[in-house]
Protein backbone atom coordinates (compact mmCIF):
# COMPACT_ATOMS: atom_id res chain seq x y z
CA MET A 1 29.81 -2.12 11.63
CA LYS A 2 26.74 -0.99 9.71
CA ALA A 3 25.65 2.47 8.62
CA THR A 4 22.05 3.47 7.96
CA ASN A 5 20.88 5.17 4.78
CA PRO A 6 19.03 8.31 5.99
CA ARG A 7 16.58 8.17 3.06
CA THR A 8 15.51 4.58 3.55
CA GLY A 9 16.20 3.97 7.21
CA GLU A 10 17.94 0.75 6.20
CA PRO A 11 21.37 -0.31 7.54
CA ASP A 12 22.78 -0.97 4.08
CA TYR A 13 26.52 -0.25 4.38
CA ASP A 14 29.10 -2.47 6.07
CA PHE A 15 32.56 -1.33 7.10
CA ALA A 16 35.32 -2.67 9.30
CA GLU A 17 35.85 -1.07 12.68
CA THR A 18 39.49 -0.23 13.35
CA THR A 19 40.79 -2.16 16.35
CA ARG A 20 42.86 -0.57 19.10
CA ALA A 21 45.94 -2.41 17.83
CA GLN A 22 45.31 -1.19 14.28
CA THR A 23 44.87 2.37 15.54
CA ALA A 24 48.18 2.17 17.37
CA ALA A 25 49.88 0.74 14.28
CA GLU A 26 48.49 3.47 12.05
CA ALA A 27 49.63 6.11 14.52
CA ALA A 28 53.11 4.59 14.55
CA ARG A 29 53.22 4.55 10.75
CA LEU A 30 52.25 8.23 10.59
CA ARG A 31 54.82 9.12 13.26
CA GLY A 32 57.42 7.44 11.10
CA MET A 33 56.43 9.60 8.14
CA GLN A 34 56.22 12.89 10.03
CA PRO A 35 59.91 13.89 10.27
CA ALA A 36 60.37 13.71 6.50
CA TRP A 37 57.08 15.55 6.01
CA GLU A 38 58.11 18.40 8.30
CA ALA A 39 61.56 18.50 6.69
CA LEU A 40 59.95 19.34 3.33
CA GLY A 41 59.45 22.86 4.66
CA PRO A 42 56.41 25.05 4.09
CA GLU A 43 56.80 25.32 0.33
CA GLY A 44 57.36 21.60 -0.08
CA ARG A 45 54.33 20.72 2.02
CA ALA A 46 52.22 23.25 0.15
CA SER A 47 53.20 21.61 -3.15
CA VAL A 48 52.06 18.19 -1.90
CA LEU A 49 48.82 19.66 -0.54
CA LEU A 50 48.09 21.17 -3.96
CA ARG A 51 48.52 17.71 -5.48
CA PHE A 52 46.15 16.40 -2.82
CA ALA A 53 43.57 19.06 -3.76
CA ALA A 54 43.89 18.13 -7.43
CA ALA A 55 43.43 14.45 -6.61
CA VAL A 56 40.29 15.20 -4.55
CA ASP A 57 38.99 17.32 -7.44
CA ALA A 58 39.60 14.48 -9.90
CA ALA A 59 37.79 12.05 -7.59
CA ALA A 60 34.88 14.37 -6.80
CA ASP A 61 32.56 12.30 -8.98
CA ARG A 62 33.18 9.35 -6.62
CA ILE A 63 33.37 11.17 -3.29
CA THR A 64 30.26 13.32 -3.78
CA PRO A 65 27.78 10.46 -4.48
CA ALA A 66 29.09 8.54 -1.45
CA LEU A 67 28.66 11.66 0.70
CA ALA A 68 25.19 12.22 -0.74
CA VAL A 69 24.14 8.77 0.48
CA ASP A 70 25.78 9.41 3.86
CA THR A 71 23.84 12.63 4.41
CA GLY A 72 20.74 12.36 2.20
CA ARG A 73 21.79 15.64 0.53
CA ARG A 74 22.98 16.15 -3.05
CA THR A 75 23.64 19.85 -3.55
CA ILE A 76 25.22 20.33 -0.14
CA ALA A 77 27.31 17.17 -0.66
CA ALA A 78 28.77 18.70 -3.81
CA ILE A 79 29.36 22.00 -1.98
CA GLU A 80 31.13 20.11 0.82
CA VAL A 81 33.57 18.38 -1.51
CA GLN A 82 34.33 21.62 -3.33
CA GLY A 83 34.74 23.27 0.07
CA LEU A 84 37.39 20.71 1.02
CA ILE A 85 39.28 21.40 -2.19
CA ALA A 86 39.13 25.16 -1.58
CA ASN A 87 40.26 24.70 2.03
CA ILE A 88 43.31 22.65 1.01
CA ARG A 89 44.28 25.23 -1.59
CA ARG A 90 43.77 28.11 0.84
CA TRP A 91 46.14 26.61 3.40
CA ALA A 92 48.67 25.71 0.71
CA GLN A 93 48.75 29.40 -0.17
CA ARG A 94 48.49 30.90 3.30
CA GLY A 95 50.75 28.48 5.15
CA PRO A 96 54.07 29.53 3.57
CA GLU A 97 53.13 33.18 4.12
CA LEU A 98 52.61 32.55 7.82
CA PHE A 99 55.90 30.71 8.17
CA GLN A 100 57.70 33.56 6.43
CA ALA A 101 56.16 36.02 8.88
CA LEU A 102 57.35 33.84 11.78
CA ASP A 103 60.92 33.74 10.47
CA GLN A 104 62.25 36.76 12.34
CA GLY A 105 65.78 37.47 13.52
CA PRO A 106 66.96 37.91 17.09
CA LYS A 107 65.42 40.56 19.30
CA PRO A 108 66.81 42.04 22.49
CA SER A 109 65.52 40.73 25.80
CA LEU A 110 64.51 42.95 28.69
CA THR A 111 67.48 41.31 30.43
CA PRO A 112 70.69 43.13 29.44
CA GLY A 113 73.06 41.15 27.21
CA ILE A 114 70.44 38.59 26.18
CA GLU A 115 68.98 38.09 22.71
CA LEU A 116 65.96 35.97 21.96
CA LEU A 117 65.28 33.71 19.01
CA THR A 118 62.13 31.64 18.46
CA ARG A 119 62.01 28.34 16.64
CA TYR A 120 58.87 26.46 15.70
CA SER A 121 58.12 22.77 15.31
CA ALA A 122 54.88 20.97 14.67
CA PHE A 123 53.14 18.61 17.08
CA PRO A 124 54.24 15.29 15.59
CA LEU A 125 50.85 13.57 15.42
CA PHE A 126 47.52 15.39 15.26
CA GLY A 127 44.20 13.62 15.80
CA ALA A 128 40.65 14.60 14.82
CA ILE A 129 37.32 13.16 15.91
CA ALA A 130 34.69 14.38 13.46
CA PRO A 131 30.86 14.51 13.53
CA TRP A 132 28.22 13.29 11.11
CA ASN A 133 26.54 16.52 10.04
CA PHE A 134 29.19 17.73 7.54
CA PRO A 135 31.38 14.64 7.29
CA VAL A 136 33.87 15.67 4.60
CA ILE A 137 34.41 19.28 5.67
CA LEU A 138 34.62 18.57 9.39
CA SER A 139 36.86 15.52 9.02
CA HIS A 140 39.47 17.74 7.36
CA ILE A 141 38.87 21.29 8.63
CA ASP A 142 41.56 20.86 11.32
CA ALA A 143 43.63 18.14 9.66
CA VAL A 144 44.58 20.23 6.62
CA PRO A 145 46.11 23.16 8.56
CA ALA A 146 47.79 20.64 10.89
CA LEU A 147 49.38 19.02 7.84
CA MET A 148 50.43 22.43 6.56
CA ALA A 149 52.07 23.11 9.93
CA GLY A 150 54.12 19.91 9.58
CA SER A 151 52.11 17.43 11.64
CA ALA A 152 50.94 14.02 10.56
CA ALA A 153 47.16 13.63 10.86
CA LEU A 154 44.99 10.74 12.06
CA VAL A 155 41.25 11.27 11.57
CA LYS A 156 38.24 9.39 12.91
CA PRO A 157 35.17 10.29 10.85
CA SER A 158 31.77 9.58 12.34
CA GLU A 159 30.61 5.99 12.18
CA VAL A 160 27.19 7.40 11.16
CA THR A 161 28.52 8.71 7.83
CA PRO A 162 31.42 6.47 6.72
CA ARG A 163 30.80 6.00 2.99
CA PHE A 164 33.01 8.84 1.77
CA VAL A 165 36.12 7.34 3.38
CA ALA A 166 36.67 4.61 0.76
CA PRO A 167 37.01 7.06 -2.16
CA MET A 168 39.11 9.38 0.02
CA ARG A 169 41.50 6.51 0.81
CA ALA A 170 41.85 5.92 -2.93
CA VAL A 171 42.79 9.60 -3.26
CA LEU A 172 45.45 9.26 -0.54
CA ALA A 173 47.00 6.36 -2.44
CA GLU A 174 47.79 8.89 -5.18
CA VAL A 175 49.67 11.15 -2.73
CA PRO A 176 51.67 8.57 -0.75
CA GLU A 177 53.97 11.08 0.96
CA LEU A 178 51.00 12.81 2.65
CA PRO A 179 50.85 11.57 6.27
CA LEU A 180 47.05 11.46 6.57
CA ALA A 181 44.99 8.41 7.50
CA TYR A 182 41.54 7.44 8.73
CA VAL A 183 40.44 5.10 11.50
CA MET A 184 36.84 3.94 11.59
CA GLY A 185 34.41 3.20 14.39
CA GLY A 186 32.64 4.54 17.43
CA ALA A 187 33.58 5.91 20.83
CA ASP A 188 36.14 3.19 21.56
CA VAL A 189 38.09 4.11 18.44
CA GLY A 190 37.93 7.78 19.40
CA GLN A 191 39.37 6.91 22.81
CA ALA A 192 42.12 4.85 21.17
CA LEU A 193 42.97 7.80 18.91
CA ILE A 194 43.31 10.14 21.90
CA GLU A 195 45.73 7.66 23.48
CA GLU A 196 48.02 7.87 20.44
CA VAL A 197 48.13 11.54 19.37
CA ASP A 198 49.88 14.68 20.61
CA TYR A 199 47.01 17.11 19.94
CA VAL A 200 43.32 16.32 19.51
CA CYS A 201 40.51 18.28 17.89
CA PHE A 202 36.92 17.26 18.51
CA THR A 203 33.76 18.56 16.84
CA GLY A 204 30.44 17.50 18.31
CA SER A 205 28.20 17.75 21.32
CA THR A 206 29.18 19.51 24.53
CA ALA A 207 28.56 16.35 26.57
CA THR A 208 30.96 14.27 24.48
CA GLY A 209 33.40 17.18 24.30
CA ARG A 210 33.77 17.08 28.08
CA LYS A 211 34.74 13.41 27.86
CA VAL A 212 37.32 14.18 25.17
CA ALA A 213 38.74 17.01 27.30
CA GLU A 214 39.02 14.71 30.31
CA ALA A 215 40.74 12.00 28.29
CA ALA A 216 43.17 14.53 26.81
CA ALA A 217 43.84 16.03 30.23
CA ARG A 218 44.85 12.63 31.59
CA ARG A 219 47.53 12.51 28.87
CA LEU A 220 48.41 16.21 29.24
CA ILE A 221 47.85 16.90 25.55
CA PRO A 222 46.01 19.93 24.10
CA ALA A 223 42.33 19.45 23.28
CA ASN A 224 40.64 21.81 20.82
CA LEU A 225 36.85 21.50 21.17
CA GLU A 226 34.23 22.88 18.77
CA LEU A 227 30.97 22.09 20.51
CA GLY A 228 27.25 22.80 20.46
CA GLY A 229 25.42 26.03 19.84
CA LYS A 230 22.05 27.63 20.46
CA ASP A 231 22.60 30.61 18.21
CA PRO A 232 20.31 33.62 18.64
CA MET A 233 19.29 36.14 15.99
CA ILE A 234 18.20 39.65 16.98
CA ILE A 235 16.01 41.53 14.50
CA THR A 236 15.61 45.19 15.36
CA ALA A 237 12.61 47.43 14.75
CA SER A 238 14.42 49.18 11.89
CA ALA A 239 14.98 45.98 9.91
CA GLU A 240 12.90 45.37 6.79
CA PRO A 241 10.58 42.51 7.86
CA GLU A 242 10.38 40.50 4.64
CA TRP A 243 14.14 40.64 4.08
CA ALA A 244 14.72 39.61 7.70
CA ALA A 245 12.36 36.67 7.29
CA ARG A 246 14.21 35.42 4.21
CA VAL A 247 17.57 35.63 5.97
CA ALA A 248 16.28 34.03 9.17
CA LEU A 249 14.68 31.13 7.29
CA ARG A 250 17.81 30.19 5.38
CA ALA A 251 20.10 30.60 8.39
CA SER A 252 17.84 28.37 10.48
CA ILE A 253 16.89 25.51 8.18
CA LEU A 254 19.77 25.06 5.74
CA ALA A 255 20.97 21.44 5.83
CA THR A 256 17.78 20.60 7.77
CA GLY A 257 19.13 22.72 10.62
CA GLN A 258 21.82 20.10 11.30
CA ALA A 259 24.62 22.61 11.79
CA CYS A 260 26.12 24.02 14.98
CA GLN A 261 25.88 27.58 13.64
CA SER A 262 22.21 27.30 12.65
CA ILE A 263 19.99 30.02 14.10
CA GLU A 264 17.95 28.31 16.83
CA ARG A 265 16.39 31.31 18.61
CA ILE A 266 14.87 34.38 16.94
CA TYR A 267 14.21 37.62 18.84
CA VAL A 268 12.22 40.14 16.80
CA ALA A 269 11.12 43.65 17.76
CA ARG A 270 7.42 43.75 18.55
CA ALA A 271 6.96 46.71 16.18
CA ILE A 272 7.69 44.54 13.11
CA ALA A 273 6.66 41.15 14.48
CA GLU A 274 3.40 40.85 12.53
CA PRO A 275 4.81 41.38 9.01
CA PHE A 276 7.94 39.43 9.91
CA LEU A 277 5.97 36.40 11.06
CA ALA A 278 3.66 36.58 8.06
CA ALA A 279 6.66 36.53 5.72
CA LEU A 280 8.40 33.82 7.74
CA VAL A 281 5.36 31.53 7.69
CA ALA A 282 4.86 32.09 3.95
CA GLY A 283 8.52 31.30 3.32
CA ALA A 284 8.41 28.20 5.49
CA ARG A 285 5.35 26.85 3.71
CA ALA A 286 7.06 27.32 0.34
CA VAL A 287 10.01 25.13 1.34
CA ARG A 288 9.87 21.65 -0.22
CA LEU A 289 11.22 18.35 1.01
CA THR A 290 13.61 16.42 -1.23
CA HIS A 291 11.12 13.58 -1.34
CA PRO A 292 10.17 11.66 -3.37
CA ASP A 293 12.73 13.16 -5.76
CA PRO A 294 16.12 13.62 -4.06
CA ALA A 295 17.15 15.95 -6.90
CA SER A 296 14.34 18.40 -6.21
CA GLY A 297 13.48 20.41 -3.12
CA HIS A 298 15.21 22.15 -0.20
CA LEU A 299 15.24 19.96 2.91
CA GLY A 300 16.60 16.44 3.08
CA PRO A 301 16.06 13.86 5.80
CA PHE A 302 17.60 13.83 9.24
CA ILE A 303 20.97 12.11 8.93
CA LEU A 304 20.63 10.46 12.32
CA PRO A 305 17.17 8.93 12.92
CA GLU A 306 17.43 9.45 16.68
CA GLN A 307 17.85 13.18 16.10
CA ALA A 308 14.37 13.38 14.58
CA ASN A 309 12.92 11.90 17.77
CA LYS A 310 14.77 14.45 19.91
CA VAL A 311 13.54 17.37 17.81
CA GLN A 312 9.95 16.12 17.88
CA ALA A 313 10.15 15.76 21.66
CA GLN A 314 11.27 19.40 22.00
CA ILE A 315 8.41 20.59 19.80
CA ASP A 316 5.83 18.51 21.66
CA ALA A 317 7.08 19.67 25.05
CA ALA A 318 6.93 23.31 23.94
CA VAL A 319 3.36 22.93 22.68
CA ALA A 320 2.33 21.21 25.89
CA ALA A 321 3.74 24.18 27.82
CA GLY A 322 1.79 26.75 25.77
CA ALA A 323 3.74 27.36 22.55
CA ARG A 324 1.84 27.60 19.26
CA VAL A 325 2.90 26.07 15.93
CA LEU A 326 2.48 28.40 12.94
CA ALA A 327 4.07 26.06 10.40
CA GLY A 328 5.39 22.50 10.34
CA GLY A 329 5.57 20.79 13.70
CA THR A 330 5.47 17.08 12.86
CA VAL A 331 8.24 14.76 11.73
CA GLU A 332 7.14 12.89 8.60
CA ARG A 333 8.27 9.30 8.04
CA LEU A 334 8.57 8.84 4.30
CA GLU A 335 9.85 5.53 2.90
CA GLY A 336 12.02 5.06 5.98
CA GLY A 337 13.45 8.57 6.08
CA ALA A 338 12.58 11.15 8.73
CA TYR A 339 11.77 14.66 7.46
CA LEU A 340 10.58 17.85 9.12
CA ARG A 341 9.21 20.87 7.32
CA PRO A 342 10.33 24.27 8.67
CA THR A 343 8.66 24.59 12.05
CA ILE A 344 7.80 28.03 13.44
CA LEU A 345 6.92 28.32 17.11
CA VAL A 346 5.58 31.37 18.95
CA ASP A 347 4.59 31.99 22.56
CA VAL A 348 7.76 30.19 23.64
CA THR A 349 9.36 30.86 27.02
CA PRO A 350 13.04 30.83 28.04
CA ALA A 351 12.50 27.77 30.23
CA MET A 352 11.45 25.50 27.34
CA ALA A 353 13.94 22.89 26.12
CA VAL A 354 13.52 24.21 22.58
CA MET A 355 14.96 27.52 23.85
CA ARG A 356 17.69 26.10 26.08
CA GLU A 357 18.96 22.86 24.54
CA GLU A 358 20.56 22.42 21.13
CA THR A 359 17.83 21.38 18.69
CA PHE A 360 19.75 20.51 15.50
CA GLY A 361 16.69 20.61 13.30
CA PRO A 362 14.69 23.09 11.16
CA VAL A 363 12.88 24.68 14.11
CA LEU A 364 12.45 28.47 14.48
CA PRO A 365 11.18 29.57 17.91
CA VAL A 366 10.29 33.28 17.76
CA THR A 367 10.19 35.63 20.77
CA LEU A 368 9.03 39.27 20.68
CA PHE A 369 10.91 42.02 22.52
CA ASP A 370 10.22 45.67 23.33
CA THR A 371 13.72 47.05 23.98
CA ILE A 372 17.11 46.15 22.59
CA ASP A 373 18.42 45.64 26.14
CA GLU A 374 15.74 43.03 26.65
CA ALA A 375 16.73 41.28 23.40
CA ILE A 376 20.41 41.22 24.37
CA ALA A 377 19.63 39.80 27.79
CA LEU A 378 17.47 37.05 26.26
CA ALA A 379 20.09 36.23 23.63
CA ASN A 380 22.81 35.93 26.29
CA ASP A 381 20.65 33.74 28.55
CA SER A 382 22.18 30.51 27.32
CA ALA A 383 24.71 27.87 28.29
CA TYR A 384 26.17 28.25 24.80
CA GLY A 385 28.25 30.98 23.21
CA LEU A 386 29.14 29.82 19.71
CA SER A 387 27.81 32.55 17.41
CA ALA A 388 24.86 34.86 16.81
CA ALA A 389 23.35 37.19 14.23
CA VAL A 390 21.94 40.71 14.14
CA LEU A 391 19.64 42.10 11.44
CA ALA A 392 19.01 45.85 11.59
CA GLY A 393 18.11 48.81 9.45
CA SER A 394 21.79 49.61 8.95
CA LEU A 395 25.14 47.93 9.41
CA ASP A 396 26.15 50.65 11.88
CA GLU A 397 23.23 49.76 14.13
CA ALA A 398 24.08 46.05 13.97
CA VAL A 399 27.75 46.77 14.78
CA ARG A 400 26.73 48.63 17.95
CA ILE A 401 24.75 45.62 19.20
CA ALA A 402 27.23 42.86 18.34
CA PRO A 403 29.85 43.46 21.11
CA LEU A 404 27.14 43.06 23.74
CA LEU A 405 26.49 39.45 22.70
CA ASP A 406 28.43 36.81 24.64
CA VAL A 407 29.48 34.69 21.67
CA GLY A 408 32.58 34.04 19.61
CA ALA A 409 31.32 35.41 16.28
CA VAL A 410 28.41 37.57 15.16
CA SER A 411 26.98 37.64 11.63
CA LEU A 412 25.74 41.13 10.80
CA GLN A 413 23.03 41.75 8.22
CA ASP A 414 23.07 38.00 7.54
CA GLY A 415 23.04 34.76 9.46
CA ALA A 416 25.32 31.74 9.99
CA LEU A 417 28.21 33.35 8.10
CA THR A 418 30.76 31.33 10.08
CA SER A 419 29.88 28.39 7.82
CA MET A 420 31.00 30.38 4.77
CA VAL A 421 33.89 32.50 6.05
CA GLY A 422 37.07 30.72 7.10
CA ASP A 423 39.44 33.62 7.78
CA ALA A 424 37.65 35.26 10.71
CA THR A 425 39.40 34.27 13.95
CA ASN A 426 36.94 33.69 16.79
CA LEU A 427 36.86 31.94 20.14
CA SER A 428 33.79 30.02 21.22
CA ARG A 429 32.48 30.89 24.67
CA LYS A 430 30.78 29.08 27.54
CA GLY A 431 29.68 25.54 26.63
CA SER A 432 30.43 25.95 22.93
CA GLY A 433 34.11 25.20 22.90
CA LEU A 434 37.60 25.27 24.26
CA GLY A 435 40.96 26.17 22.78
CA PRO A 436 42.28 28.35 19.93
CA SER A 437 40.18 29.30 16.92
CA ARG A 438 40.13 26.92 13.97
CA MET A 439 39.34 29.95 11.80
CA GLY A 440 41.80 32.60 10.68
CA ASP A 441 45.57 32.24 10.86
CA SER A 442 45.39 30.55 14.27
CA GLY A 443 43.85 27.60 12.41
CA MET A 444 47.42 26.63 11.50
CA LEU A 445 49.51 28.44 14.10
CA ARG A 446 47.94 26.45 16.98
CA PHE A 447 49.72 23.34 15.72
CA LEU A 448 53.17 24.88 16.12
CA ARG A 449 55.21 24.54 19.32
CA GLU A 450 57.38 27.54 20.17
CA GLN A 451 60.90 26.98 21.39
CA ALA A 452 62.76 29.91 22.92
CA LEU A 453 66.51 30.24 22.20
CA ILE A 454 67.94 32.48 24.92
CA CYS A 455 71.28 33.78 23.70
CA GLN A 456 73.92 35.22 25.99
CA THR A 457 75.80 37.83 23.94
CA GLY A 458 78.05 39.03 26.75
CA SER A 459 79.89 37.17 29.50
CA ALA A 460 78.07 34.41 31.32
CA LEU A 461 77.95 34.86 35.07
CA THR A 462 80.06 32.63 37.27
CA ILE A 463 79.17 31.20 40.62
CA ASP A 464 81.17 34.02 42.22
CA ALA A 465 78.41 36.45 41.26
CA TYR A 466 76.23 34.65 43.82
CA ALA A 467 78.82 34.24 46.56
CA GLU A 468 77.74 35.26 50.04
CA ARG A 469 79.45 38.46 51.23
CA PRO A 470 79.57 40.13 54.63
CA GLN A 471 76.91 42.79 54.98
CA SER A 472 78.25 46.28 55.62
């Protein structure tokens, strides 16, 4: 297979697609390793994971440049690799604590004479199908806690961004007892992975997530889906306009808006709309592309060329239906890469695709509202329910609004905090996901199977207890 360089538009990287037979063989190898891995116990697994983190850290100077080519981003590539290291270390610390909390003695049942014990075992083989927007983080965000739980882990990174896998495989060679492996390729390889594992996590579009759920359902295995978003931000009349504009801009365009938790709809109180928009436009116009110098600027290219076409189509359709562009608006083709400056749209309507469909680009459609009830209704008018944000004059005011939003997580006095905070348990709603939270302690606990030990402490009943007797 070939992968395209997002800065040049050239397919300049070749890699071997994993066959179905190879996927099955790799799954069998990992299954063979898993019993010994689980038998290490929480402390033993944590020790190996810390060695894994150290090996990734030592190889960061090889992983980061490969990821930078994959994504067209340098600073965020470095942050991603450091984020993986921090995530491994966090689970190595937290995992043993969670197992200790689970290790409780017998408790009495509601049934007289019965005591209950609970034992836990990991799903033997975990599988992950990862997306292209944050390849390193999202290839491992579920695999690491699954490993901590005692599972082996088989990961399919996106075929769009495969370059980081070679240096990561070299890292794994330094930690041979770690049952983690990668398979490479497209949808067929993802399907083959689902056929081999006991639990699958998928991160990506809602449309593909449905296919993963259906394939998992046919095998009666759990499917954890982290899907699309159309995250709203509500800015109340008491918010300071220039501060709100700075927060909204970063939360919308970071990583060229190619993040599920990016703010994609902004609802601002009419009373502060004029200064807010003035500050937002000024901020947008100050943002620089990382072209021609990839080491300078804010916004890199679209990772997937087709995504640029989709975003441009949404903008064009909105303008044709009456929206106005205050900044940006046109994808620029520069030396083969596709770039878009921060695009601010006003006079948008709820029916427009840019307000209903996931955009995945640096586009900020702004709607004015008169009452907070109106803003909440508009924010909730979506097929998605991933996350949201509220900016207000005080945290107390933001806290009062947040529970009325039909989403799994709400960033208050900031935006897109779910990308930075890993210990806040949340459940995606509507078309944004299915299954337990990958954040918080459930990130690991979901990979444990509970077994109930039902202990008779008195005399077991005999069949005579159920003998038919004449009724008096």
